[in-house]
Amino acid sequence: MEVLAPTKICDLQPTWEETMRCHLNSSWMCGCVVLALAVPSAAVPALAEEAGQWFGRAVLVTLSSKSVKLEDRADHTVSVTEFDGAVFNADGKPFLDKARYQVVDLTDAGSSSGGHKTFTEADGSKVFAKYVLKEAKPKEFRGTFEFTGGTGKYAGITGRGEYHVVLVSDTALWDELRGEYKIPATVGSSRPDPTK
């Protein structure tokens, strides 16, 4: 029977090359994991705060109107009127260009008049505003508006301006809006780059 020589302890230890290969592979794998974790945040663009002037021109039509007479004083009525239409950016900029424009007007005759505006872009992003009537002449109305918030690329929007409405007929209106807006900085927004 043949007796085998006992295995040397040093034969069981990895060679220098195997050790280095193992360390290099570990370092490479660790680097890949760090890179994989870093890439998603680097791939999401961070957009700086956007601010600008806005000149919008719009057409609205009356969808519905309801008035209620109150008996507390002569000729006291309260009305709610809904309008729907479109607005475009008269300066050719992307902000609220070719957006749906909806208005809900709340009028307490002889007391107050104002309401709410909603602008909806093709991608579903919305801008909300409230407005107050300041001056009413036959067929012309002027007032102020304030952006109160938004969704999508317009989340957090603020700003204000003035509007001028002209009645074209019993059911059609022309509206010009001039103002300023500010959209806070975001990460990963789909907001168009205003510098392009």
N, C-alpha and C. Protein backbone atom coordinates (compact mmCIF):
# COMPACT_ATOMS: atom_id res chain seq x y z
N MET A 1 0.83 -1.15 0.00
CA MET A 1 0.00 0.00 0.00
C MET A 1 0.89 1.24 0.00
N GLU A 2 0.49 2.16 -0.82
CA GLU A 2 1.30 3.36 -0.99
C GLU A 2 0.88 4.40 0.00
N VAL A 3 1.78 5.03 0.67
CA VAL A 3 1.47 6.09 1.65
C VAL A 3 1.71 7.43 0.97
N LEU A 4 0.67 8.22 1.03
CA LEU A 4 0.79 9.54 0.42
C LEU A 4 1.45 10.49 1.38
N ALA A 5 2.19 11.36 0.82
CA ALA A 5 2.86 12.36 1.65
C ALA A 5 1.80 13.29 2.23
N PRO A 6 1.90 13.69 3.49
CA PRO A 6 0.92 14.60 4.06
C PRO A 6 0.92 15.95 3.33
N THR A 7 -0.27 16.50 3.22
CA THR A 7 -0.41 17.79 2.53
C THR A 7 0.16 18.87 3.42
N LYS A 8 0.91 19.74 2.80
CA LYS A 8 1.49 20.83 3.55
C LYS A 8 0.42 21.88 3.83
N ILE A 9 0.52 22.50 4.99
CA ILE A 9 -0.45 23.53 5.37
C ILE A 9 -0.39 24.68 4.39
N CYS A 10 0.77 25.01 3.93
CA CYS A 10 0.88 26.14 3.00
C CYS A 10 0.18 25.86 1.69
N ASP A 11 -0.03 24.59 1.32
CA ASP A 11 -0.74 24.29 0.09
C ASP A 11 -2.22 24.64 0.19
N LEU A 12 -2.77 24.69 1.43
CA LEU A 12 -4.18 24.99 1.62
C LEU A 12 -4.44 26.50 1.59
N GLN A 13 -3.44 27.30 1.76
CA GLN A 13 -3.59 28.74 1.73
C GLN A 13 -3.63 29.22 0.28
N PRO A 14 -4.47 30.24 0.01
CA PRO A 14 -4.52 30.75 -1.37
C PRO A 14 -3.21 31.42 -1.74
N THR A 15 -2.89 31.33 -2.99
CA THR A 15 -1.67 31.97 -3.48
C THR A 15 -1.87 33.48 -3.48
N TRP A 16 -0.78 34.22 -3.61
CA TRP A 16 -0.83 35.68 -3.64
C TRP A 16 -1.72 36.16 -4.79
N GLU A 17 -1.63 35.49 -5.93
CA GLU A 17 -2.42 35.88 -7.10
C GLU A 17 -3.91 35.68 -6.84
N GLU A 18 -4.26 34.56 -6.20
CA GLU A 18 -5.66 34.31 -5.90
C GLU A 18 -6.19 35.35 -4.91
N THR A 19 -5.38 35.70 -3.92
CA THR A 19 -5.79 36.70 -2.93
C THR A 19 -6.03 38.04 -3.60
N MET A 20 -5.11 38.45 -4.45
CA MET A 20 -5.25 39.73 -5.14
C MET A 20 -6.47 39.72 -6.07
N ARG A 21 -6.70 38.61 -6.75
CA ARG A 21 -7.84 38.49 -7.64
C ARG A 21 -9.14 38.65 -6.84
N CYS A 22 -9.19 38.02 -5.68
CA CYS A 22 -10.36 38.10 -4.81
C CYS A 22 -10.58 39.55 -4.34
N HIS A 23 -9.50 40.23 -3.91
CA HIS A 23 -9.62 41.61 -3.46
C HIS A 23 -10.03 42.54 -4.61
N LEU A 24 -9.47 42.33 -5.78
CA LEU A 24 -9.82 43.16 -6.92
C LEU A 24 -11.28 42.96 -7.31
N ASN A 25 -11.73 41.70 -7.32
CA ASN A 25 -13.13 41.42 -7.66
C ASN A 25 -14.07 42.05 -6.64
N SER A 26 -13.71 41.98 -5.35
CA SER A 26 -14.54 42.58 -4.30
C SER A 26 -14.61 44.09 -4.47
N SER A 27 -13.46 44.70 -4.74
CA SER A 27 -13.43 46.15 -4.94
C SER A 27 -14.23 46.55 -6.16
N TRP A 28 -14.09 45.79 -7.22
CA TRP A 28 -14.83 46.08 -8.45
C TRP A 28 -16.34 45.98 -8.21
N MET A 29 -16.78 44.92 -7.50
CA MET A 29 -18.20 44.72 -7.20
C MET A 29 -18.73 45.86 -6.32
N CYS A 30 -17.95 46.24 -5.32
CA CYS A 30 -18.36 47.32 -4.42
C CYS A 30 -18.50 48.62 -5.21
N GLY A 31 -17.56 48.88 -6.11
CA GLY A 31 -17.61 50.08 -6.95
C GLY A 31 -18.83 50.08 -7.84
N CYS A 32 -19.19 48.92 -8.38
CA CYS A 32 -20.38 48.82 -9.23
C CYS A 32 -21.64 49.12 -8.44
N VAL A 33 -21.72 48.62 -7.21
CA VAL A 33 -22.89 48.86 -6.37
C VAL A 33 -23.01 50.35 -6.06
N VAL A 34 -21.89 50.99 -5.69
CA VAL A 34 -21.91 52.42 -5.39
C VAL A 34 -22.33 53.20 -6.63
N LEU A 35 -21.78 52.85 -7.78
CA LEU A 35 -22.12 53.52 -9.02
C LEU A 35 -23.59 53.33 -9.35
N ALA A 36 -24.10 52.11 -9.18
CA ALA A 36 -25.51 51.82 -9.48
C ALA A 36 -26.43 52.63 -8.58
N LEU A 37 -26.03 52.82 -7.33
CA LEU A 37 -26.86 53.61 -6.42
C LEU A 37 -26.78 55.10 -6.75
N ALA A 38 -25.66 55.55 -7.25
CA ALA A 38 -25.47 56.97 -7.53
C ALA A 38 -26.11 57.38 -8.85
N VAL A 39 -26.15 56.50 -9.84
CA VAL A 39 -26.63 56.86 -11.17
C VAL A 39 -28.08 57.32 -11.18
N PRO A 40 -29.03 56.63 -10.49
CA PRO A 40 -30.40 57.12 -10.58
C PRO A 40 -30.56 58.58 -10.14
N SER A 41 -29.91 58.98 -9.06
CA SER A 41 -30.08 60.36 -8.63
C SER A 41 -29.37 61.32 -9.57
N ALA A 42 -28.27 60.89 -10.17
CA ALA A 42 -27.58 61.76 -11.12
C ALA A 42 -28.37 61.87 -12.43
N ALA A 43 -29.13 60.80 -12.78
CA ALA A 43 -29.88 60.81 -14.02
C ALA A 43 -31.14 61.67 -13.93
N VAL A 44 -31.61 61.98 -12.73
CA VAL A 44 -32.80 62.79 -12.54
C VAL A 44 -32.38 64.25 -12.50
N PRO A 45 -32.81 65.04 -13.46
CA PRO A 45 -32.36 66.43 -13.49
C PRO A 45 -32.96 67.25 -12.36
N ALA A 46 -32.16 68.12 -11.81
CA ALA A 46 -32.63 69.06 -10.80
C ALA A 46 -32.81 70.40 -11.49
N LEU A 47 -34.01 70.94 -11.43
CA LEU A 47 -34.27 72.20 -12.09
C LEU A 47 -34.28 73.33 -11.07
N ALA A 48 -33.65 74.41 -11.43
CA ALA A 48 -33.60 75.58 -10.55
C ALA A 48 -34.98 76.24 -10.52
N GLU A 49 -35.14 77.11 -9.57
CA GLU A 49 -36.38 77.88 -9.47
C GLU A 49 -36.60 78.61 -10.79
N GLU A 50 -37.86 78.63 -11.23
CA GLU A 50 -38.20 79.33 -12.47
C GLU A 50 -39.13 80.49 -12.13
N ALA A 51 -38.85 81.63 -12.68
CA ALA A 51 -39.70 82.80 -12.47
C ALA A 51 -39.79 83.56 -13.78
N GLY A 52 -40.91 84.19 -14.00
CA GLY A 52 -41.04 84.94 -15.23
C GLY A 52 -42.31 85.77 -15.30
N GLN A 53 -42.45 86.47 -16.41
CA GLN A 53 -43.63 87.28 -16.71
C GLN A 53 -44.53 86.45 -17.63
N TRP A 54 -45.82 86.69 -17.53
CA TRP A 54 -46.77 85.95 -18.35
C TRP A 54 -47.79 86.89 -18.95
N PHE A 55 -48.03 86.71 -20.26
CA PHE A 55 -49.08 87.43 -20.95
C PHE A 55 -49.92 86.38 -21.66
N GLY A 56 -51.11 86.13 -21.10
CA GLY A 56 -52.00 85.12 -21.67
C GLY A 56 -53.20 85.77 -22.34
N ARG A 57 -53.59 85.18 -23.47
CA ARG A 57 -54.81 85.61 -24.16
C ARG A 57 -55.73 84.41 -24.22
N ALA A 58 -57.01 84.63 -23.91
CA ALA A 58 -57.93 83.50 -23.79
C ALA A 58 -59.30 83.82 -24.36
N VAL A 59 -59.99 82.76 -24.73
CA VAL A 59 -61.39 82.83 -25.14
C VAL A 59 -62.17 81.89 -24.23
N LEU A 60 -63.31 82.37 -23.72
CA LEU A 60 -64.16 81.57 -22.84
C LEU A 60 -65.59 81.58 -23.35
N VAL A 61 -66.30 80.48 -23.12
CA VAL A 61 -67.73 80.42 -23.40
C VAL A 61 -68.45 80.03 -22.11
N THR A 62 -69.68 80.49 -21.97
CA THR A 62 -70.47 80.18 -20.78
C THR A 62 -71.02 78.77 -20.88
N LEU A 63 -70.77 77.96 -19.85
CA LEU A 63 -71.32 76.60 -19.81
C LEU A 63 -72.65 76.57 -19.07
N SER A 64 -72.69 77.27 -17.92
CA SER A 64 -73.92 77.28 -17.13
C SER A 64 -73.93 78.50 -16.24
N SER A 65 -75.13 78.90 -15.85
CA SER A 65 -75.27 80.03 -14.94
C SER A 65 -76.52 79.83 -14.11
N LYS A 66 -76.39 80.08 -12.83
CA LYS A 66 -77.55 79.96 -11.93
C LYS A 66 -77.56 81.14 -10.99
N SER A 67 -78.72 81.79 -10.89
CA SER A 67 -78.89 82.93 -9.98
C SER A 67 -80.00 82.62 -9.00
N VAL A 68 -79.82 83.13 -7.79
CA VAL A 68 -80.82 82.98 -6.74
C VAL A 68 -81.12 84.35 -6.17
N LYS A 69 -82.41 84.68 -6.08
CA LYS A 69 -82.81 85.97 -5.49
C LYS A 69 -82.93 85.79 -3.99
N LEU A 70 -82.37 86.76 -3.27
CA LEU A 70 -82.49 86.78 -1.82
C LEU A 70 -83.45 87.89 -1.42
N GLU A 71 -84.12 87.74 -0.28
CA GLU A 71 -85.15 88.70 0.12
C GLU A 71 -84.67 89.70 1.17
N ASP A 72 -83.40 89.66 1.52
CA ASP A 72 -82.92 90.55 2.58
C ASP A 72 -82.84 92.02 2.16
N ARG A 73 -82.76 92.27 0.86
CA ARG A 73 -82.78 93.65 0.36
C ARG A 73 -83.21 93.62 -1.11
N ALA A 74 -83.53 94.78 -1.64
CA ALA A 74 -84.02 94.87 -3.03
C ALA A 74 -82.92 94.48 -4.01
N ASP A 75 -83.31 93.76 -5.04
CA ASP A 75 -82.41 93.36 -6.14
C ASP A 75 -81.16 92.63 -5.66
N HIS A 76 -81.29 91.82 -4.64
CA HIS A 76 -80.13 91.07 -4.15
C HIS A 76 -80.14 89.66 -4.75
N THR A 77 -79.15 89.41 -5.59
CA THR A 77 -79.02 88.08 -6.19
C THR A 77 -77.60 87.55 -5.98
N VAL A 78 -77.52 86.25 -5.91
CA VAL A 78 -76.24 85.56 -5.83
C VAL A 78 -76.19 84.61 -7.02
N SER A 79 -75.07 84.61 -7.75
CA SER A 79 -74.99 83.75 -8.93
C SER A 79 -73.68 82.98 -9.01
N VAL A 80 -73.78 81.84 -9.68
CA VAL A 80 -72.61 81.01 -9.97
C VAL A 80 -72.62 80.76 -11.47
N THR A 81 -71.52 81.10 -12.14
CA THR A 81 -71.42 80.91 -13.59
C THR A 81 -70.13 80.14 -13.90
N GLU A 82 -70.27 79.15 -14.78
CA GLU A 82 -69.10 78.35 -15.20
C GLU A 82 -68.74 78.69 -16.64
N PHE A 83 -67.44 78.86 -16.87
CA PHE A 83 -66.92 79.15 -18.20
C PHE A 83 -65.86 78.10 -18.56
N ASP A 84 -65.71 77.85 -19.86
CA ASP A 84 -64.68 76.92 -20.33
C ASP A 84 -64.08 77.50 -21.61
N GLY A 85 -62.79 77.28 -21.79
CA GLY A 85 -62.15 77.80 -22.99
C GLY A 85 -60.70 77.41 -23.10
N ALA A 86 -59.92 78.25 -23.73
CA ALA A 86 -58.50 77.98 -23.97
C ALA A 86 -57.70 79.26 -23.81
N VAL A 87 -56.44 79.10 -23.38
CA VAL A 87 -55.54 80.23 -23.23
C VAL A 87 -54.24 79.89 -23.95
N PHE A 88 -53.60 80.89 -24.53
CA PHE A 88 -52.28 80.68 -25.11
C PHE A 88 -51.35 81.78 -24.63
N ASN A 89 -50.06 81.49 -24.66
CA ASN A 89 -49.05 82.44 -24.22
C ASN A 89 -48.78 83.41 -25.37
N ALA A 90 -49.16 84.65 -25.20
CA ALA A 90 -49.03 85.65 -26.27
C ALA A 90 -47.58 85.96 -26.60
N ASP A 91 -46.64 85.62 -25.70
CA ASP A 91 -45.22 85.85 -25.96
C ASP A 91 -44.55 84.63 -26.59
N GLY A 92 -45.31 83.57 -26.85
CA GLY A 92 -44.76 82.37 -27.48
C GLY A 92 -43.91 81.52 -26.56
N LYS A 93 -44.02 81.72 -25.26
CA LYS A 93 -43.25 80.93 -24.29
C LYS A 93 -44.07 79.70 -23.87
N PRO A 94 -43.41 78.70 -23.27
CA PRO A 94 -44.14 77.47 -22.93
C PRO A 94 -45.10 77.58 -21.74
N PHE A 95 -44.94 78.58 -20.87
CA PHE A 95 -45.78 78.67 -19.67
C PHE A 95 -47.24 78.90 -20.05
N LEU A 96 -48.11 77.97 -19.66
CA LEU A 96 -49.55 78.02 -19.93
C LEU A 96 -49.86 78.39 -21.38
N ASP A 97 -49.21 77.70 -22.29
CA ASP A 97 -49.47 77.92 -23.71
C ASP A 97 -50.38 76.81 -24.23
N LYS A 98 -51.45 77.19 -24.85
CA LYS A 98 -52.44 76.25 -25.40
C LYS A 98 -53.02 75.34 -24.31
N ALA A 99 -53.36 75.95 -23.20
CA ALA A 99 -53.91 75.22 -22.07
C ALA A 99 -55.43 75.40 -22.00
N ARG A 100 -56.10 74.38 -21.43
CA ARG A 100 -57.52 74.53 -21.15
C ARG A 100 -57.67 75.56 -20.03
N TYR A 101 -58.71 76.37 -20.11
CA TYR A 101 -58.92 77.45 -19.16
C TYR A 101 -60.36 77.39 -18.68
N GLN A 102 -60.55 77.15 -17.37
CA GLN A 102 -61.88 77.05 -16.78
C GLN A 102 -62.03 78.10 -15.68
N VAL A 103 -63.22 78.69 -15.61
CA VAL A 103 -63.49 79.72 -14.61
C VAL A 103 -64.83 79.41 -13.93
N VAL A 104 -64.84 79.57 -12.62
CA VAL A 104 -66.09 79.51 -11.85
C VAL A 104 -66.23 80.89 -11.19
N ASP A 105 -67.24 81.64 -11.64
CA ASP A 105 -67.47 83.00 -11.14
C ASP A 105 -68.54 82.97 -10.05
N LEU A 106 -68.24 83.63 -8.92
CA LEU A 106 -69.17 83.72 -7.79
C LEU A 106 -69.47 85.19 -7.56
N THR A 107 -70.72 85.59 -7.78
CA THR A 107 -71.08 87.00 -7.66
C THR A 107 -72.22 87.17 -6.67
N ASP A 108 -71.97 88.04 -5.70
CA ASP A 108 -73.01 88.47 -4.76
C ASP A 108 -73.31 89.91 -5.13
N ALA A 109 -74.40 90.12 -5.87
CA ALA A 109 -74.71 91.43 -6.46
C ALA A 109 -74.65 92.54 -5.42
N GLY A 110 -73.91 93.58 -5.76
CA GLY A 110 -73.79 94.74 -4.89
C GLY A 110 -72.84 94.53 -3.73
N SER A 111 -72.24 93.36 -3.64
CA SER A 111 -71.36 93.07 -2.50
C SER A 111 -69.97 92.65 -2.94
N SER A 112 -69.88 91.54 -3.69
CA SER A 112 -68.56 91.05 -4.10
C SER A 112 -68.68 90.21 -5.37
N SER A 113 -67.58 90.14 -6.07
CA SER A 113 -67.52 89.30 -7.26
C SER A 113 -66.10 88.80 -7.41
N GLY A 114 -65.98 87.54 -7.67
CA GLY A 114 -64.68 86.91 -7.84
C GLY A 114 -64.89 85.45 -8.18
N GLY A 115 -63.86 84.67 -8.00
CA GLY A 115 -64.01 83.26 -8.30
C GLY A 115 -62.69 82.55 -8.41
N HIS A 116 -62.72 81.48 -9.19
CA HIS A 116 -61.56 80.59 -9.30
C HIS A 116 -61.27 80.26 -10.76
N LYS A 117 -59.97 80.19 -11.07
CA LYS A 117 -59.51 79.86 -12.42
C LYS A 117 -58.69 78.57 -12.34
N THR A 118 -58.84 77.70 -13.33
CA THR A 118 -58.02 76.49 -13.43
C THR A 118 -57.47 76.41 -14.85
N PHE A 119 -56.16 76.25 -14.95
CA PHE A 119 -55.48 76.10 -16.24
C PHE A 119 -54.92 74.68 -16.29
N THR A 120 -55.20 73.94 -17.37
CA THR A 120 -54.73 72.56 -17.48
C THR A 120 -53.97 72.38 -18.78
N GLU A 121 -52.70 71.98 -18.69
CA GLU A 121 -51.89 71.76 -19.89
C GLU A 121 -52.10 70.35 -20.42
N ALA A 122 -51.60 70.09 -21.60
CA ALA A 122 -51.80 68.80 -22.28
C ALA A 122 -51.27 67.62 -21.47
N ASP A 123 -50.20 67.84 -20.68
CA ASP A 123 -49.64 66.73 -19.89
C ASP A 123 -50.38 66.52 -18.57
N GLY A 124 -51.45 67.29 -18.33
CA GLY A 124 -52.23 67.13 -17.10
C GLY A 124 -51.82 68.06 -15.97
N SER A 125 -50.70 68.77 -16.11
CA SER A 125 -50.28 69.71 -15.08
C SER A 125 -51.29 70.85 -14.98
N LYS A 126 -51.60 71.24 -13.74
CA LYS A 126 -52.61 72.28 -13.52
C LYS A 126 -52.05 73.46 -12.74
N VAL A 127 -52.64 74.63 -12.97
CA VAL A 127 -52.36 75.83 -12.19
C VAL A 127 -53.71 76.35 -11.70
N PHE A 128 -53.77 76.67 -10.40
CA PHE A 128 -55.01 77.18 -9.80
C PHE A 128 -54.81 78.65 -9.42
N ALA A 129 -55.88 79.43 -9.57
CA ALA A 129 -55.82 80.84 -9.21
C ALA A 129 -57.17 81.27 -8.66
N LYS A 130 -57.14 82.30 -7.82
CA LYS A 130 -58.38 82.94 -7.39
C LYS A 130 -58.33 84.37 -7.90
N TYR A 131 -59.50 84.95 -8.14
CA TYR A 131 -59.51 86.30 -8.66
C TYR A 131 -60.58 87.14 -7.98
N VAL A 132 -60.40 88.45 -8.07
CA VAL A 132 -61.34 89.41 -7.50
C VAL A 132 -61.62 90.48 -8.55
N LEU A 133 -62.90 90.75 -8.78
CA LEU A 133 -63.30 91.82 -9.70
C LEU A 133 -63.07 93.16 -9.02
N LYS A 134 -62.41 94.09 -9.74
CA LYS A 134 -62.12 95.42 -9.19
C LYS A 134 -62.93 96.52 -9.88
N GLU A 135 -63.24 96.32 -11.17
CA GLU A 135 -63.91 97.37 -11.95
C GLU A 135 -64.82 96.75 -12.99
N ALA A 136 -66.08 97.21 -13.04
CA ALA A 136 -67.04 96.70 -14.02
C ALA A 136 -67.65 97.87 -14.78
N LYS A 137 -67.48 97.84 -16.10
CA LYS A 137 -68.11 98.81 -17.00
C LYS A 137 -68.93 97.98 -17.98
N PRO A 138 -69.83 98.60 -18.73
CA PRO A 138 -70.60 97.80 -19.70
C PRO A 138 -69.68 96.98 -20.61
N LYS A 139 -69.86 95.69 -20.56
CA LYS A 139 -69.14 94.71 -21.38
C LYS A 139 -67.65 94.59 -21.07
N GLU A 140 -67.12 95.28 -20.06
CA GLU A 140 -65.71 95.15 -19.69
C GLU A 140 -65.55 94.98 -18.20
N PHE A 141 -64.65 94.08 -17.82
CA PHE A 141 -64.40 93.78 -16.41
C PHE A 141 -62.90 93.69 -16.19
N ARG A 142 -62.43 94.29 -15.11
CA ARG A 142 -61.01 94.24 -14.76
C ARG A 142 -60.86 93.80 -13.31
N GLY A 143 -59.77 93.10 -13.06
CA GLY A 143 -59.54 92.66 -11.69
C GLY A 143 -58.15 92.09 -11.52
N THR A 144 -57.94 91.47 -10.39
CA THR A 144 -56.64 90.88 -10.07
C THR A 144 -56.79 89.38 -9.84
N PHE A 145 -55.69 88.65 -10.05
CA PHE A 145 -55.70 87.23 -9.76
C PHE A 145 -54.43 86.86 -9.01
N GLU A 146 -54.49 85.73 -8.33
CA GLU A 146 -53.33 85.22 -7.59
C GLU A 146 -53.24 83.71 -7.79
N PHE A 147 -52.05 83.24 -8.20
CA PHE A 147 -51.85 81.79 -8.31
C PHE A 147 -51.80 81.19 -6.90
N THR A 148 -52.60 80.17 -6.67
CA THR A 148 -52.69 79.57 -5.33
C THR A 148 -52.06 78.20 -5.25
N GLY A 149 -51.61 77.64 -6.36
CA GLY A 149 -50.98 76.32 -6.33
C GLY A 149 -51.07 75.65 -7.69
N GLY A 150 -50.52 74.45 -7.75
CA GLY A 150 -50.55 73.72 -9.00
C GLY A 150 -50.19 72.26 -8.79
N THR A 151 -50.22 71.50 -9.87
CA THR A 151 -49.86 70.09 -9.83
C THR A 151 -48.84 69.81 -10.93
N GLY A 152 -48.21 68.63 -10.86
CA GLY A 152 -47.23 68.26 -11.88
C GLY A 152 -46.07 69.23 -11.91
N LYS A 153 -45.71 69.70 -13.09
CA LYS A 153 -44.56 70.59 -13.22
C LYS A 153 -44.80 71.97 -12.61
N TYR A 154 -46.06 72.26 -12.23
CA TYR A 154 -46.38 73.55 -11.62
C TYR A 154 -46.64 73.46 -10.12
N ALA A 155 -46.26 72.36 -9.50
CA ALA A 155 -46.45 72.21 -8.05
C ALA A 155 -45.73 73.34 -7.31
N GLY A 156 -46.42 73.98 -6.39
CA GLY A 156 -45.82 75.04 -5.58
C GLY A 156 -45.80 76.41 -6.23
N ILE A 157 -46.44 76.57 -7.39
CA ILE A 157 -46.41 77.85 -8.09
C ILE A 157 -47.05 78.96 -7.25
N THR A 158 -46.47 80.15 -7.36
CA THR A 158 -47.03 81.35 -6.74
C THR A 158 -46.94 82.47 -7.77
N GLY A 159 -47.67 83.55 -7.52
CA GLY A 159 -47.60 84.69 -8.42
C GLY A 159 -48.92 85.43 -8.43
N ARG A 160 -48.96 86.49 -9.21
CA ARG A 160 -50.17 87.32 -9.26
C ARG A 160 -50.17 88.15 -10.53
N GLY A 161 -51.31 88.78 -10.78
CA GLY A 161 -51.41 89.62 -11.96
C GLY A 161 -52.76 90.27 -12.08
N GLU A 162 -53.06 90.77 -13.28
CA GLU A 162 -54.32 91.45 -13.56
C GLU A 162 -54.97 90.83 -14.79
N TYR A 163 -56.29 90.91 -14.82
CA TYR A 163 -57.01 90.40 -16.00
C TYR A 163 -57.94 91.48 -16.53
N HIS A 164 -58.28 91.35 -17.81
CA HIS A 164 -59.21 92.27 -18.48
C HIS A 164 -60.12 91.43 -19.36
N VAL A 165 -61.40 91.38 -19.01
CA VAL A 165 -62.38 90.58 -19.75
C VAL A 165 -63.27 91.51 -20.57
N VAL A 166 -63.53 91.11 -21.82
CA VAL A 166 -64.45 91.84 -22.69
C VAL A 166 -65.53 90.85 -23.14
N LEU A 167 -66.80 91.23 -22.93
CA LEU A 167 -67.91 90.39 -23.40
C LEU A 167 -68.04 90.55 -24.91
N VAL A 168 -67.98 89.44 -25.62
CA VAL A 168 -68.13 89.46 -27.07
C VAL A 168 -69.59 89.24 -27.43
N SER A 169 -70.27 88.39 -26.67
CA SER A 169 -71.71 88.13 -26.83
C SER A 169 -72.25 87.70 -25.48
N ASP A 170 -73.49 87.24 -25.45
CA ASP A 170 -74.08 86.78 -24.19
C ASP A 170 -73.36 85.56 -23.62
N THR A 171 -72.70 84.80 -24.48
CA THR A 171 -72.07 83.56 -24.02
C THR A 171 -70.57 83.46 -24.32
N ALA A 172 -69.97 84.47 -24.91
CA ALA A 172 -68.54 84.41 -25.26
C ALA A 172 -67.78 85.59 -24.66
N LEU A 173 -66.57 85.31 -24.16
CA LEU A 173 -65.73 86.34 -23.53
C LEU A 173 -64.32 86.27 -24.09
N TRP A 174 -63.67 87.43 -24.11
CA TRP A 174 -62.26 87.52 -24.45
C TRP A 174 -61.53 87.94 -23.17
N ASP A 175 -60.44 87.26 -22.81
CA ASP A 175 -59.75 87.55 -21.56
C ASP A 175 -58.26 87.73 -21.82
N GLU A 176 -57.69 88.79 -21.28
CA GLU A 176 -56.24 89.02 -21.32
C GLU A 176 -55.73 89.00 -19.89
N LEU A 177 -54.66 88.24 -19.66
CA LEU A 177 -54.09 88.10 -18.32
C LEU A 177 -52.61 88.46 -18.37
N ARG A 178 -52.19 89.34 -17.47
CA ARG A 178 -50.78 89.72 -17.39
C ARG A 178 -50.34 89.58 -15.95
N GLY A 179 -49.20 88.93 -15.77
CA GLY A 179 -48.72 88.76 -14.40
C GLY A 179 -47.34 88.17 -14.34
N GLU A 180 -46.99 87.72 -13.14
CA GLU A 180 -45.70 87.10 -12.91
C GLU A 180 -45.91 85.82 -12.12
N TYR A 181 -44.96 84.90 -12.25
CA TYR A 181 -45.08 83.63 -11.56
C TYR A 181 -43.72 83.16 -11.07
N LYS A 182 -43.75 82.26 -10.11
CA LYS A 182 -42.53 81.65 -9.59
C LYS A 182 -42.82 80.18 -9.29
N ILE A 183 -41.97 79.29 -9.81
CA ILE A 183 -42.10 77.86 -9.57
C ILE A 183 -40.86 77.43 -8.79
N PRO A 184 -41.03 76.80 -7.61
CA PRO A 184 -39.86 76.43 -6.81
C PRO A 184 -38.99 75.38 -7.49
N ALA A 185 -37.73 75.30 -7.06
CA ALA A 185 -36.80 74.30 -7.59
C ALA A 185 -37.33 72.90 -7.30
N THR A 186 -37.14 71.99 -8.26
CA THR A 186 -37.59 70.61 -8.10
C THR A 186 -36.54 69.65 -8.60
N VAL A 187 -36.67 68.40 -8.19
CA VAL A 187 -35.80 67.33 -8.71
C VAL A 187 -36.68 66.40 -9.51
N GLY A 188 -36.26 66.11 -10.73
CA GLY A 188 -36.99 65.16 -11.56
C GLY A 188 -38.26 65.72 -12.16
N SER A 189 -38.35 67.01 -12.31
CA SER A 189 -39.54 67.62 -12.87
C SER A 189 -39.57 67.42 -14.38
N SER A 190 -40.77 67.38 -14.92
CA SER A 190 -40.92 67.30 -16.37
C SER A 190 -41.11 68.70 -16.96
N ARG A 191 -40.85 69.70 -16.14
CA ARG A 191 -41.01 71.09 -16.58
C ARG A 191 -40.02 71.39 -17.70
N PRO A 192 -40.48 72.07 -18.76
CA PRO A 192 -39.56 72.41 -19.85
C PRO A 192 -38.51 73.40 -19.35
N ASP A 193 -37.31 73.30 -19.91
CA ASP A 193 -36.23 74.19 -19.54
C ASP A 193 -36.51 75.57 -20.15
N PRO A 194 -36.71 76.62 -19.31
CA PRO A 194 -37.06 77.94 -19.85
C PRO A 194 -35.92 78.60 -20.61
N THR A 195 -34.70 78.08 -20.52
CA THR A 195 -33.56 78.67 -21.21
C THR A 195 -33.47 78.19 -22.67
N LYS A 196 -34.30 77.22 -23.04
CA LYS A 196 -34.25 76.67 -24.41
C LYS A 196 -35.36 77.23 -25.25
